[in-house]
C-alpha atoms as a PDB file:
ATOM      1  CA  MET A   1      36.521  -5.200   7.587  1.00  0.00           C
ATOM      2  CA  PRO A   2      38.267  -8.195   9.120  1.00  0.00           C
ATOM      3  CA  ARG A   3      40.275 -10.460   6.480  1.00  0.00           C
ATOM      4  CA  ASP A   4      38.005 -12.879   6.886  1.00  0.00           C
ATOM      5  CA  LEU A   5      34.968 -11.677   5.737  1.00  0.00           C
ATOM      6  CA  SER A   6      33.644 -11.257   2.045  1.00  0.00           C
ATOM      7  CA  PRO A   7      31.667  -8.128   1.002  1.00  0.00           C
ATOM      8  CA  ALA A   8      28.037  -8.197   1.263  1.00  0.00           C
ATOM      9  CA  ASP A   9      26.241  -9.673  -2.039  1.00  0.00           C
ATOM     10  CA  PRO A  10      23.147  -7.729  -2.898  1.00  0.00           C
ATOM     11  CA  GLY A  11      22.315 -10.552  -4.752  1.00  0.00           C
ATOM     12  CA  ASP A  12      22.283 -13.043  -1.636  1.00  0.00           C
ATOM     13  CA  LEU A  13      19.932 -10.464   0.070  1.00  0.00           C
ATOM     14  CA  LEU A  14      17.634 -10.524  -2.725  1.00  0.00           C
ATOM     15  CA  ASP A  15      17.434 -14.352  -2.962  1.00  0.00           C
ATOM     16  CA  TRP A  16      16.263 -14.361   0.627  1.00  0.00           C
ATOM     17  CA  TYR A  17      13.523 -11.486  -0.409  1.00  0.00           C
ATOM     18  CA  ASP A  18      12.312 -13.940  -2.822  1.00  0.00           C
ATOM     19  CA  ARG A  19      11.601 -16.281  -0.383  1.00  0.00           C
ATOM     20  CA  HIS A  20      10.283 -14.304   2.509  1.00  0.00           C
ATOM     21  CA  ALA A  21       8.913 -11.143   1.331  1.00  0.00           C
ATOM     22  CA  ARG A  22       6.561  -9.872   3.636  1.00  0.00           C
ATOM     23  CA  THR A  23       3.123  -9.531   2.445  1.00  0.00           C
ATOM     24  CA  LEU A  24       1.551  -6.041   2.285  1.00  0.00           C
ATOM     25  CA  PRO A  25      -1.403  -4.052   0.617  1.00  0.00           C
ATOM     26  CA  TRP A  26       0.922  -1.771  -0.786  1.00  0.00           C
ATOM     27  CA  ARG A  27       3.454  -4.574  -2.288  1.00  0.00           C
ATOM     28  CA  VAL A  28       3.881  -6.097  -5.490  1.00  0.00           C
ATOM     29  CA  SER A  29       5.388  -9.417  -4.431  1.00  0.00           C
ATOM     30  CA  PRO A  30       8.599 -10.424  -6.104  1.00  0.00           C
ATOM     31  CA  ALA A  31       7.036 -13.666  -7.955  1.00  0.00           C
ATOM     32  CA  GLU A  32       4.187 -10.885  -9.588  1.00  0.00           C
ATOM     33  CA  ARG A  33       6.954  -8.078 -10.440  1.00  0.00           C
ATOM     34  CA  ALA A  34       9.459 -11.271 -12.082  1.00  0.00           C
ATOM     35  CA  ALA A  35       5.870 -12.059 -13.893  1.00  0.00           C
ATOM     36  CA  GLY A  36       5.502  -8.541 -15.351  1.00  0.00           C
ATOM     37  CA  ALA A  37       3.491  -6.988 -12.581  1.00  0.00           C
ATOM     38  CA  ARG A  38       4.071  -3.016 -11.573  1.00  0.00           C
ATOM     39  CA  PRO A  39       3.686  -1.436  -8.791  1.00  0.00           C
ATOM     40  CA  ASP A  40       1.388   1.333  -8.380  1.00  0.00           C
ATOM     41  CA  PRO A  41       2.918   4.332  -7.779  1.00  0.00           C
ATOM     42  CA  TYR A  42      -0.015   5.978  -6.266  1.00  0.00           C
ATOM     43  CA  ARG A  43      -0.186   3.115  -3.819  1.00  0.00           C
ATOM     44  CA  VAL A  44       3.613   3.438  -3.276  1.00  0.00           C
ATOM     45  CA  TRP A  45       3.224   6.510  -2.493  1.00  0.00           C
ATOM     46  CA  LEU A  46       0.011   6.871  -0.068  1.00  0.00           C
ATOM     47  CA  SER A  47       1.569   4.034   1.648  1.00  0.00           C
ATOM     48  CA  GLU A  48       5.268   5.578   2.432  1.00  0.00           C
ATOM     49  CA  ILE A  49       3.493   8.716   3.540  1.00  0.00           C
ATOM     50  CA  MET A  50       1.479   6.883   5.908  1.00  0.00           C
ATOM     51  CA  LEU A  51       4.986   4.573   7.029  1.00  0.00           C
ATOM     52  CA  GLN A  52       6.522   8.055   8.044  1.00  0.00           C
ATOM     53  CA  GLN A  53       7.279   7.958  11.681  1.00  0.00           C
ATOM     54  CA  THR A  54       4.281   5.130  12.287  1.00  0.00           C
ATOM     55  CA  THR A  55       4.451   1.603  12.148  1.00  0.00           C
ATOM     56  CA  VAL A  56       3.180  -1.042   9.373  1.00  0.00           C
ATOM     57  CA  ALA A  57       0.691  -2.299  11.741  1.00  0.00           C
ATOM     58  CA  ALA A  58      -0.732   0.957  12.346  1.00  0.00           C
ATOM     59  CA  VAL A  59      -0.837   2.250   8.886  1.00  0.00           C
ATOM     60  CA  LYS A  60      -2.564  -1.170   6.986  1.00  0.00           C
ATOM     61  CA  SER A  61      -6.270  -0.289   8.143  1.00  0.00           C
ATOM     62  CA  TYR A  62      -5.715   3.069   7.366  1.00  0.00           C
ATOM     63  CA  PHE A  63      -4.386   2.647   3.864  1.00  0.00           C
ATOM     64  CA  ASP A  64      -7.023  -0.106   3.007  1.00  0.00           C
ATOM     65  CA  ARG A  65      -9.755   2.538   4.061  1.00  0.00           C
ATOM     66  CA  PHE A  66      -8.445   5.074   2.508  1.00  0.00           C
ATOM     67  CA  THR A  67      -8.202   3.010  -0.869  1.00  0.00           C
ATOM     68  CA  SER A  68     -11.390   1.836  -0.904  1.00  0.00           C
ATOM     69  CA  LEU A  69     -12.584   5.533  -0.677  1.00  0.00           C
ATOM     70  CA  TRP A  70     -10.099   7.101  -3.026  1.00  0.00           C
ATOM     71  CA  PRO A  71      -8.549   4.192  -5.508  1.00  0.00           C
ATOM     72  CA  ASP A  72      -5.980   6.561  -7.460  1.00  0.00           C
ATOM     73  CA  VAL A  73      -4.638  10.441  -7.383  1.00  0.00           C
ATOM     74  CA  ARG A  74      -7.757  11.547  -8.764  1.00  0.00           C
ATOM     75  CA  ALA A  75     -10.210  10.770  -6.073  1.00  0.00           C
ATOM     76  CA  LEU A  76      -8.173  11.769  -3.399  1.00  0.00           C
ATOM     77  CA  ALA A  77      -7.499  14.567  -5.225  1.00  0.00           C
ATOM     78  CA  ALA A  78     -10.987  15.693  -5.477  1.00  0.00           C
ATOM     79  CA  ALA A  79     -11.987  14.781  -2.024  1.00  0.00           C
ATOM     80  CA  PRO A  80     -13.148  17.158   0.353  1.00  0.00           C
ATOM     81  CA  ASP A  81     -10.615  18.278   2.884  1.00  0.00           C
ATOM     82  CA  ALA A  82     -12.475  17.753   5.694  1.00  0.00           C
ATOM     83  CA  GLN A  83     -13.549  14.086   5.325  1.00  0.00           C
ATOM     84  CA  VAL A  84      -9.654  12.981   4.475  1.00  0.00           C
ATOM     85  CA  MET A  85      -8.782  14.822   7.713  1.00  0.00           C
ATOM     86  CA  GLY A  86     -11.211  12.655   9.700  1.00  0.00           C
ATOM     87  CA  GLU A  87     -10.048   9.600   8.127  1.00  0.00           C
ATOM     88  CA  TRP A  88      -6.623  10.591   8.686  1.00  0.00           C
ATOM     89  CA  ALA A  89      -7.418  10.634  12.680  1.00  0.00           C
ATOM     90  CA  GLY A  90      -5.729   9.031  15.016  1.00  0.00           C
ATOM     91  CA  LEU A  91      -2.539   8.517  12.408  1.00  0.00           C
ATOM     92  CA  GLY A  92      -1.196  11.686  13.912  1.00  0.00           C
ATOM     93  CA  TYR A  93       1.277  13.868  12.475  1.00  0.00           C
ATOM     94  CA  TYR A  94      -1.271  15.841  10.738  1.00  0.00           C
ATOM     95  CA  ALA A  95       0.913  17.638   8.158  1.00  0.00           C
ATOM     96  CA  ARG A  96       1.216  14.464   6.162  1.00  0.00           C
ATOM     97  CA  ALA A  97      -2.222  14.832   5.695  1.00  0.00           C
ATOM     98  CA  ARG A  98      -2.290  17.914   4.350  1.00  0.00           C
ATOM     99  CA  ASN A  99       0.596  17.343   1.796  1.00  0.00           C
ATOM    100  CA  LEU A 100      -1.335  14.790   1.091  1.00  0.00           C
ATOM    101  CA  LEU A 101      -3.618  16.401  -0.411  1.00  0.00           C
ATOM    102  CA  LYS A 102      -1.934  19.304  -1.994  1.00  0.00           C
ATOM    103  CA  CYS A 103       0.646  16.359  -3.716  1.00  0.00           C
ATOM    104  CA  ALA A 104      -2.487  14.473  -4.884  1.00  0.00           C
ATOM    105  CA  ARG A 105      -4.019  17.575  -6.153  1.00  0.00           C
ATOM    106  CA  VAL A 106      -0.657  18.889  -7.984  1.00  0.00           C
ATOM    107  CA  VAL A 107      -0.152  15.824  -9.522  1.00  0.00           C
ATOM    108  CA  ALA A 108      -4.132  15.833 -10.566  1.00  0.00           C
ATOM    109  CA  GLU A 109      -3.545  19.177 -12.256  1.00  0.00           C
ATOM    110  CA  GLU A 110       0.032  19.598 -13.282  1.00  0.00           C
ATOM    111  CA  HIS A 111       1.149  15.995 -14.361  1.00  0.00           C
ATOM    112  CA  GLY A 112      -2.181  14.332 -16.249  1.00  0.00           C
ATOM    113  CA  GLY A 113      -2.937  12.183 -12.791  1.00  0.00           C
ATOM    114  CA  THR A 114       0.712  10.566 -13.032  1.00  0.00           C
ATOM    115  CA  PHE A 115       3.230  10.814 -10.810  1.00  0.00           C
ATOM    116  CA  PRO A 116       6.780  11.504 -12.456  1.00  0.00           C
ATOM    117  CA  SER A 117       9.345   8.571 -12.441  1.00  0.00           C
ATOM    118  CA  ASP A 118      12.722  10.905 -11.463  1.00  0.00           C
ATOM    119  CA  ARG A 119      13.331  11.856  -8.022  1.00  0.00           C
ATOM    120  CA  ALA A 120      14.006  15.633  -8.793  1.00  0.00           C
ATOM    121  CA  ALA A 121      10.892  15.741 -10.256  1.00  0.00           C
ATOM    122  CA  LEU A 122       9.373  13.555  -7.337  1.00  0.00           C
ATOM    123  CA  LEU A 123      10.872  15.825  -4.789  1.00  0.00           C
ATOM    124  CA  ALA A 124       9.692  19.199  -6.156  1.00  0.00           C
ATOM    125  CA  LEU A 125       5.915  17.766  -5.001  1.00  0.00           C
ATOM    126  CA  PRO A 126       4.431  19.076  -1.604  1.00  0.00           C
ATOM    127  CA  GLY A 127       5.444  16.814   0.967  1.00  0.00           C
ATOM    128  CA  VAL A 128       7.910  14.214  -0.668  1.00  0.00           C
ATOM    129  CA  GLY A 129      11.047  14.911   0.742  1.00  0.00           C
ATOM    130  CA  PRO A 130      14.606  12.930  -0.051  1.00  0.00           C
ATOM    131  CA  TYR A 131      13.286   9.434   1.599  1.00  0.00           C
ATOM    132  CA  THR A 132       9.786   9.183  -0.200  1.00  0.00           C
ATOM    133  CA  ALA A 133      11.269  10.616  -3.405  1.00  0.00           C
ATOM    134  CA  SER A 134      13.755   7.541  -3.250  1.00  0.00           C
ATOM    135  CA  ALA A 135      11.836   5.258  -2.291  1.00  0.00           C
ATOM    136  CA  VAL A 136       8.655   5.904  -4.711  1.00  0.00           C
ATOM    137  CA  ALA A 137      11.606   6.215  -7.722  1.00  0.00           C
ATOM    138  CA  ALA A 138      12.941   2.874  -6.246  1.00  0.00           C
ATOM    139  CA  ILE A 139      10.125   0.818  -5.711  1.00  0.00           C
ATOM    140  CA  ALA A 140       7.545   1.947  -8.280  1.00  0.00           C
ATOM    141  CA  PHE A 141       9.752   2.406 -11.059  1.00  0.00           C
ATOM    142  CA  ASP A 142      12.477   0.745 -10.492  1.00  0.00           C
ATOM    143  CA  ARG A 143      15.171   3.367 -10.255  1.00  0.00           C
ATOM    144  CA  PRO A 144      18.350   2.229  -8.713  1.00  0.00           C
ATOM    145  CA  GLU A 145      17.986   4.860  -5.797  1.00  0.00           C
ATOM    146  CA  VAL A 146      19.208   5.124  -2.475  1.00  0.00           C
ATOM    147  CA  VAL A 147      16.461   4.071   0.191  1.00  0.00           C
ATOM    148  CA  VAL A 148      17.447   4.617   3.542  1.00  0.00           C
ATOM    149  CA  ASP A 149      15.075   4.445   6.939  1.00  0.00           C
ATOM    150  CA  GLY A 150      15.560   4.021   9.948  1.00  0.00           C
ATOM    151  CA  ASN A 151      15.362  -0.708   9.250  1.00  0.00           C
ATOM    152  CA  VAL A 152      18.462   0.226   6.285  1.00  0.00           C
ATOM    153  CA  GLU A 153      20.272   2.355   8.948  1.00  0.00           C
ATOM    154  CA  ARG A 154      20.026  -0.265  11.554  1.00  0.00           C
ATOM    155  CA  VAL A 155      21.441  -2.935   8.637  1.00  0.00           C
ATOM    156  CA  MET A 156      23.968  -0.836   7.883  1.00  0.00           C
ATOM    157  CA  ALA A 157      25.442  -0.008  10.914  1.00  0.00           C
ATOM    158  CA  ARG A 158      25.520  -3.878  12.157  1.00  0.00           C
ATOM    159  CA  LEU A 159      27.069  -5.088   8.526  1.00  0.00           C
ATOM    160  CA  HIS A 160      29.781  -2.384   8.734  1.00  0.00           C
ATOM    161  CA  ASP A 161      30.084  -2.335  12.818  1.00  0.00           C
ATOM    162  CA  ILE A 162      29.590   1.607  12.689  1.00  0.00           C
ATOM    163  CA  HIS A 163      29.974   2.973  16.234  1.00  0.00           C
ATOM    164  CA  THR A 164      29.430   6.728  15.203  1.00  0.00           C
ATOM    165  CA  PRO A 165      25.834   7.911  17.132  1.00  0.00           C
ATOM    166  CA  LEU A 166      22.779   8.986  15.103  1.00  0.00           C
ATOM    167  CA  PRO A 167      22.229  11.212  13.669  1.00  0.00           C
ATOM    168  CA  ALA A 168      25.607  12.114  13.231  1.00  0.00           C
ATOM    169  CA  ALA A 169      26.445   8.477  11.650  1.00  0.00           C
ATOM    170  CA  LYS A 170      23.373   9.201   8.513  1.00  0.00           C
ATOM    171  CA  PRO A 171      25.659  10.337   6.125  1.00  0.00           C
ATOM    172  CA  GLU A 172      28.201   7.077   6.346  1.00  0.00           C
ATOM    173  CA  LEU A 173      25.195   4.705   6.669  1.00  0.00           C
ATOM    174  CA  THR A 174      23.889   6.396   3.476  1.00  0.00           C
ATOM    175  CA  ALA A 175      27.360   6.393   1.555  1.00  0.00           C
ATOM    176  CA  ARG A 176      27.334   2.722   3.031  1.00  0.00           C
ATOM    177  CA  ALA A 177      23.792   1.684   1.645  1.00  0.00           C
ATOM    178  CA  ALA A 178      24.626   3.588  -2.009  1.00  0.00           C
ATOM    179  CA  ALA A 179      27.810   1.196  -2.409  1.00  0.00           C
ATOM    180  CA  LEU A 180      24.996  -1.767  -1.988  1.00  0.00           C
ATOM    181  CA  THR A 181      22.249  -0.674  -4.384  1.00  0.00           C
ATOM    182  CA  PRO A 182      22.517  -2.518  -7.377  1.00  0.00           C
ATOM    183  CA  GLU A 183      20.875  -1.648 -10.858  1.00  0.00           C
ATOM    184  CA  ALA A 184      19.078  -5.043 -11.298  1.00  0.00           C
ATOM    185  CA  ARG A 185      16.138  -4.981  -9.264  1.00  0.00           C
ATOM    186  CA  PRO A 186      16.450  -1.835  -7.379  1.00  0.00           C
ATOM    187  CA  GLY A 187      12.798  -1.769  -6.031  1.00  0.00           C
ATOM    188  CA  ASP A 188      13.041  -5.209  -5.078  1.00  0.00           C
ATOM    189  CA  TYR A 189      16.513  -4.611  -3.629  1.00  0.00           C
ATOM    190  CA  ALA A 190      15.257  -1.644  -1.432  1.00  0.00           C
ATOM    191  CA  GLN A 191      12.078  -3.262   0.229  1.00  0.00           C
ATOM    192  CA  ALA A 192      14.826  -6.466   0.885  1.00  0.00           C
ATOM    193  CA  VAL A 193      16.633  -4.410   3.190  1.00  0.00           C
ATOM    194  CA  MET A 194      13.707  -2.598   4.951  1.00  0.00           C
ATOM    195  CA  ASP A 195      12.538  -6.419   5.452  1.00  0.00           C
ATOM    196  CA  LEU A 196      15.574  -7.652   6.668  1.00  0.00           C
ATOM    197  CA  GLY A 197      15.871  -4.925   9.425  1.00  0.00           C
ATOM    198  CA  ALA A 198      12.181  -5.597  10.410  1.00  0.00           C
ATOM    199  CA  THR A 199      12.184  -9.156  10.622  1.00  0.00           C
ATOM    200  CA  ILE A 200      15.475 -10.382  11.236  1.00  0.00           C
ATOM    201  CA  CYS A 201      17.895  -7.857  11.750  1.00  0.00           C
ATOM    202  CA  THR A 202      15.316  -6.147  14.396  1.00  0.00           C
ATOM    203  CA  PRO A 203      16.077  -3.691  17.154  1.00  0.00           C
ATOM    204  CA  ARG A 204      16.461  -6.068  20.168  1.00  0.00           C
ATOM    205  CA  SER A 205      17.932  -9.357  19.690  1.00  0.00           C
ATOM    206  CA  PRO A 206      18.718  -9.928  16.107  1.00  0.00           C
ATOM    207  CA  ALA A 207      18.188 -13.413  14.570  1.00  0.00           C
ATOM    208  CA  CYS A 208      21.435 -13.314  13.202  1.00  0.00           C
ATOM    209  CA  GLY A 209      21.528 -16.835  12.652  1.00  0.00           C
ATOM    210  CA  ILE A 210      19.143 -17.127   9.787  1.00  0.00           C
ATOM    211  CA  CYS A 211      19.797 -13.298   8.127  1.00  0.00           C
ATOM    212  CA  PRO A 212      21.111 -14.106   4.602  1.00  0.00           C
ATOM    213  CA  TRP A 213      23.968 -11.448   5.215  1.00  0.00           C
ATOM    214  CA  ARG A 214      25.141 -13.415   8.385  1.00  0.00           C
ATOM    215  CA  GLU A 215      28.328 -14.065   6.858  1.00  0.00           C
ATOM    216  CA  PRO A 216      29.728 -10.526   6.098  1.00  0.00           C
ATOM    217  CA  CYS A 217      28.516  -9.013   8.713  1.00  0.00           C
ATOM    218  CA  VAL A 218      31.248  -7.188  10.653  1.00  0.00           C
ATOM    219  CA  ALA A 219      29.264  -6.539  13.739  1.00  0.00           C
ATOM    220  CA  ARG A 220      28.364 -10.120  13.940  1.00  0.00           C
ATOM    221  CA  ALA A 221      32.022 -11.491  14.095  1.00  0.00           C
ATOM    222  CA  ALA A 222      32.717  -8.552  16.641  1.00  0.00           C
ATOM    223  CA  GLY A 223      29.718  -9.418  18.785  1.00  0.00           C
ATOM    224  CA  THR A 224      28.349  -5.436  18.819  1.00  0.00           C
ATOM    225  CA  ALA A 225      25.491  -6.365  16.806  1.00  0.00           C
ATOM    226  CA  ALA A 226      22.882  -5.584  19.237  1.00  0.00           C
ATOM    227  CA  GLU A 227      24.122  -2.469  20.806  1.00  0.00           C
ATOM    228  CA  LEU A 228      23.923  -1.125  17.221  1.00  0.00           C
ATOM    229  CA  PRO A 229      23.141   1.597  15.887  1.00  0.00           C
ATOM    230  CA  LYS A 230      23.956   3.982  18.686  1.00  0.00           C
ATOM    231  CA  LYS A 231      21.915   6.955  19.137  1.00  0.00           C
ATOM    232  CA  ALA A 232      23.039  10.172  20.576  1.00  0.00           C
ATOM    233  CA  PRO A 233      21.053  10.743  24.147  1.00  0.00           C
ATOM    234  CA  LYS A 234      18.037  12.500  23.882  1.00  0.00           C
ATOM    235  CA  LYS A 235      17.097  15.923  25.847  1.00  0.00           C
ATOM    236  CA  PRO A 236      14.458  15.284  28.070  1.00  0.00           C
ATOM    237  CA  LYS A 237      10.769  16.861  26.540  1.00  0.00           C
ATOM    238  CA  PRO A 238       9.636  20.023  28.759  1.00  0.00           C
ATOM    239  CA  VAL A 239       5.231  19.843  29.792  1.00  0.00           C
ATOM    240  CA  ARG A 240       3.533  21.876  28.633  1.00  0.00           C
ATOM    241  CA  LEU A 241      -0.034  22.627  29.793  1.00  0.00           C
ATOM    242  CA  GLY A 242      -3.279  23.573  28.366  1.00  0.00           C
ATOM    243  CA  ILE A 243      -7.170  23.754  28.952  1.00  0.00           C
ATOM    244  CA  ALA A 244      -9.440  22.217  26.680  1.00  0.00           C
ATOM    245  CA  TYR A 245     -13.573  23.331  27.041  1.00  0.00           C
ATOM    246  CA  LEU A 246     -16.187  20.452  25.799  1.00  0.00           C
ATOM    247  CA  ALA A 247     -19.641  22.287  25.383  1.00  0.00           C
ATOM    248  CA  ARG A 248     -22.926  20.147  24.910  1.00  0.00           C
ATOM    249  CA  ARG A 249     -25.896  21.802  23.539  1.00  0.00           C
ATOM    250  CA  GLU A 250     -29.330  20.305  24.669  1.00  0.00           C
ATOM    251  CA  ASP A 251     -29.878  19.001  21.645  1.00  0.00           C
ATOM    252  CA  GLY A 252     -26.776  16.287  21.676  1.00  0.00           C
ATOM    253  CA  ALA A 253     -24.919  18.473  19.747  1.00  0.00           C
ATOM    254  CA  TRP A 254     -20.957  19.584  20.728  1.00  0.00           C
ATOM    255  CA  LEU A 255     -19.302  22.805  20.268  1.00  0.00           C
ATOM    256  CA  LEU A 256     -15.768  21.970  18.086  1.00  0.00           C
ATOM    257  CA  GLU A 257     -13.526  23.869  15.909  1.00  0.00           C
ATOM    258  CA  ARG A 258     -11.218  23.309  13.304  1.00  0.00           C
ATOM    259  CA  ARG A 259      -7.886  23.845  14.240  1.00  0.00           C
ATOM    260  CA  PRO A 260      -5.584  26.677  11.539  1.00  0.00           C
ATOM    261  CA  ASP A 261      -3.874  24.410   8.759  1.00  0.00           C
ATOM    262  CA  ARG A 262      -0.177  25.451  10.551  1.00  0.00           C
ATOM    263  CA  GLY A 263       1.017  23.982  13.284  1.00  0.00           C
ATOM    264  CA  LEU A 264      -0.082  20.981  15.852  1.00  0.00           C
ATOM    265  CA  LEU A 265      -3.088  18.873  15.024  1.00  0.00           C
ATOM    266  CA  GLY A 266      -3.356  21.302  11.756  1.00  0.00           C
ATOM    267  CA  GLY A 267      -7.107  21.294  10.029  1.00  0.00           C
ATOM    268  CA  MET A 268      -8.543  18.849  12.434  1.00  0.00           C
ATOM    269  CA  LEU A 269     -11.259  18.515  14.192  1.00  0.00           C
ATOM    270  CA  GLY A 270     -10.386  19.776  18.222  1.00  0.00           C
ATOM    271  CA  TRP A 271     -12.251  21.297  21.433  1.00  0.00           C
ATOM    272  CA  PRO A 272     -11.554  25.232  22.200  1.00  0.00           C
ATOM    273  CA  GLY A 273      -9.196  26.150  24.341  1.00  0.00           C
ATOM    274  CA  SER A 274      -6.124  27.854  25.907  1.00  0.00           C
ATOM    275  CA  ASP A 275      -2.955  27.915  24.548  1.00  0.00           C
ATOM    276  CA  TRP A 276      -0.273  25.207  25.253  1.00  0.00           C
ATOM    277  CA  ALA A 277       2.582  26.898  27.654  1.00  0.00           C
ATOM    278  CA  GLU A 278       4.879  25.697  30.046  1.00  0.00           C
ATOM    279  CA  THR A 279       2.969  27.555  33.258  1.00  0.00           C
ATOM    280  CA  ALA A 280      -0.166  27.472  33.804  1.00  0.00           C
ATOM    281  CA  PRO A 281      -2.392  28.797  30.970  1.00  0.00           C
ATOM    282  CA  ALA A 282      -5.558  31.319  31.519  1.00  0.00           C
ATOM    283  CA  GLU A 283      -8.522  30.622  31.307  1.00  0.00           C
ATOM    284  CA  ALA A 284      -9.987  31.274  27.958  1.00  0.00           C
ATOM    285  CA  PRO A 285     -13.585  29.599  27.578  1.00  0.00           C
ATOM    286  CA  PRO A 286     -15.537  29.837  24.128  1.00  0.00           C
ATOM    287  CA  LEU A 287     -18.808  31.094  25.934  1.00  0.00           C
ATOM    288  CA  GLU A 288     -20.133  31.767  29.414  1.00  0.00           C
ATOM    289  CA  ALA A 289     -21.807  28.796  30.823  1.00  0.00           C
ATOM    290  CA  ASP A 290     -21.670  27.318  34.035  1.00  0.00           C
ATOM    291  CA  TRP A 291     -17.834  24.736  33.466  1.00  0.00           C
ATOM    292  CA  GLN A 292     -17.080  22.069  35.694  1.00  0.00           C
ATOM    293  CA  ASP A 293     -13.862  20.871  36.505  1.00  0.00           C
ATOM    294  CA  ILE A 294     -12.900  17.292  35.124  1.00  0.00           C
ATOM    295  CA  PRO A 295     -10.780  15.536  37.638  1.00  0.00           C
ATOM    296  CA  SER A 296      -9.264  13.717  35.286  1.00  0.00           C
ATOM    297  CA  GLU A 297      -6.145  15.057  32.747  1.00  0.00           C
ATOM    298  CA  ALA A 298      -5.886  14.495  28.515  1.00  0.00           C
ATOM    299  CA  ARG A 299      -2.209  13.077  28.618  1.00  0.00           C
ATOM    300  CA  HIS A 300      -0.190  13.031  25.548  1.00  0.00           C
ATOM    301  CA  THR A 301       3.234  13.314  24.067  1.00  0.00           C
ATOM    302  CA  PHE A 302       4.039  14.833  21.042  1.00  0.00           C
ATOM    303  CA  THR A 303       7.551  14.722  19.397  1.00  0.00           C
ATOM    304  CA  HIS A 304       9.213  17.653  21.486  1.00  0.00           C
ATOM    305  CA  PHE A 305       7.288  18.032  24.319  1.00  0.00           C
ATOM    306  CA  HIS A 306       4.773  16.057  26.872  1.00  0.00           C
ATOM    307  CA  LEU A 307       1.053  17.998  27.217  1.00  0.00           C
ATOM    308  CA  ARG A 308      -1.666  18.093  30.062  1.00  0.00           C
ATOM    309  CA  LEU A 309      -5.136  19.335  29.079  1.00  0.00           C
ATOM    310  CA  ALA A 310      -7.004  20.111  31.952  1.00  0.00           C
ATOM    311  CA  LEU A 311     -10.492  19.573  31.274  1.00  0.00           C
ATOM    312  CA  ARG A 312     -14.191  21.667  31.561  1.00  0.00           C
ATOM    313  CA  TYR A 313     -17.405  20.950  30.936  1.00  0.00           C
ATOM    314  CA  ALA A 314     -20.413  22.337  30.214  1.00  0.00           C
ATOM    315  CA  GLU A 315     -24.177  21.601  29.296  1.00  0.00           C
ATOM    316  CA  VAL A 316     -25.551  24.794  27.553  1.00  0.00           C
ATOM    317  CA  PRO A 317     -29.007  26.012  26.099  1.00  0.00           C
ATOM    318  CA  LEU A 318     -29.773  25.903  22.411  1.00  0.00           C
ATOM    319  CA  ASP A 319     -29.571  29.830  22.153  1.00  0.00           C
ATOM    320  CA  ALA A 320     -25.856  29.630  23.197  1.00  0.00           C
ATOM    321  CA  ALA A 321     -23.878  31.457  21.155  1.00  0.00           C
ATOM    322  CA  PRO A 322     -20.184  30.542  21.228  1.00  0.00           C
ATOM    323  CA  ALA A 323     -17.383  33.140  20.378  1.00  0.00           C
ATOM    324  CA  ARG A 324     -15.434  30.767  18.201  1.00  0.00           C
ATOM    325  CA  GLY A 325     -15.962  27.338  16.802  1.00  0.00           C
ATOM    326  CA  ALA A 326     -19.613  25.702  15.609  1.00  0.00           C
ATOM    327  CA  PHE A 327     -21.935  23.341  17.093  1.00  0.00           C
ATOM    328  CA  LEU A 328     -21.854  19.756  15.373  1.00  0.00           C
ATOM    329  CA  ALA A 329     -25.098  17.600  15.368  1.00  0.00           C
ATOM    330  CA  PRO A 330     -25.203  14.450  16.783  1.00  0.00           C
ATOM    331  CA  ALA A 331     -25.490  12.902  13.166  1.00  0.00           C
ATOM    332  CA  GLU A 332     -22.613  14.898  11.756  1.00  0.00           C
ATOM    333  CA  PHE A 333     -20.469  14.255  14.639  1.00  0.00           C
ATOM    334  CA  ARG A 334     -18.104  11.269  14.558  1.00  0.00           C
ATOM    335  CA  PRO A 335     -15.837  11.135  17.449  1.00  0.00           C
ATOM    336  CA  SER A 336     -13.296   8.835  15.568  1.00  0.00           C
ATOM    337  CA  ASP A 337     -12.978  11.769  13.208  1.00  0.00           C
ATOM    338  CA  LEU A 338     -10.765  13.457  16.444  1.00  0.00           C
ATOM    339  CA  PRO A 339      -7.019  13.058  16.599  1.00  0.00           C
ATOM    340  CA  THR A 340      -6.303  11.691  19.716  1.00  0.00           C
ATOM    341  CA  LEU A 341      -5.258  13.987  21.758  1.00  0.00           C
ATOM    342  CA  MET A 342      -9.175  15.315  20.803  1.00  0.00           C
ATOM    343  CA  ARG A 343     -10.602  11.812  21.703  1.00  0.00           C
ATOM    344  CA  LYS A 344      -8.951  11.225  25.049  1.00  0.00           C
ATOM    345  CA  ALA A 345     -10.478  14.308  25.940  1.00  0.00           C
ATOM    346  CA  PHE A 346     -13.825  13.282  24.716  1.00  0.00           C
ATOM    347  CA  ASP A 347     -13.843   9.877  26.382  1.00  0.00           C
ATOM    348  CA  LEU A 348     -12.463  11.229  30.075  1.00  0.00           C
ATOM    349  CA  VAL A 349     -15.467  13.869  29.993  1.00  0.00           C
ATOM    350  CA  ARG A 350     -18.143  11.219  28.343  1.00  0.00           C
ATOM    351  CA  ALA A 351     -16.843   8.467  31.286  1.00  0.00           C
END
């Protein structure tokens, strides 16, 4: 650090947070917390699971709906799997929804409906990794745990002018974050650093002029803030191909199947189809029918590959007997229960 720069002071960030904290449906404001209010661990945990690789804007409506349907962990634990998966549809990364239910049931059955307060016990819960355990312990229980998400990594990289590319820089960035985590108000502090990254120390065009850590920021002084954090080049994603079969019965029922719990879109409703491979897939219709080719493909990008689904459509009689899947009557079928990829296919066929 240059000689004319002083170390960052967590107190300066907390003073800024007291004035500028974001209003979020799962959050207890600093003023409310100072008055004695405490966050609901269930709401903190639910929000953190939903926010994994997902934006705040995308999560808000899902969070409101989930907490309206299931206001506490016992209610969620008692919910039918299919209903929870249907309400999660569109939020992506569906293993989170399966683990959400597993975790809720463990908390309800083995912890009396009360989330444990220490990081080690939280880590033992299904679907709770190191980041989520630290976030819940800090935010819900005011434990001085180190909470490091993408926003915090960016703040630390700029504050200390760290040019090692991610992900190799993670240990150093975590150590820097740990050195700043205070014993006093660690829950507010964890949220303050995330808010700083989300609203001021943004990926593009950071607002350095109004940052509470403007003076100690080494990257600002060096003129390198906009280029940090650096990231290792991404490998190009392969393209996989598949076929989806959309069959509609004379009474308006659609043929659907629930995908296996393991794997992509696990546990979600979907259209019967072929395997997804990097070569042209073999036809695998779920029943004999006059299948019509749909000229458009359903395209979707997953974490590790791009998918292009060829679409087949058929109208079938009432006595149609599929080899797999089951027909859902119009009153039981909600397109909103489909994951995004399957909804794209439905919209293309319907159009």
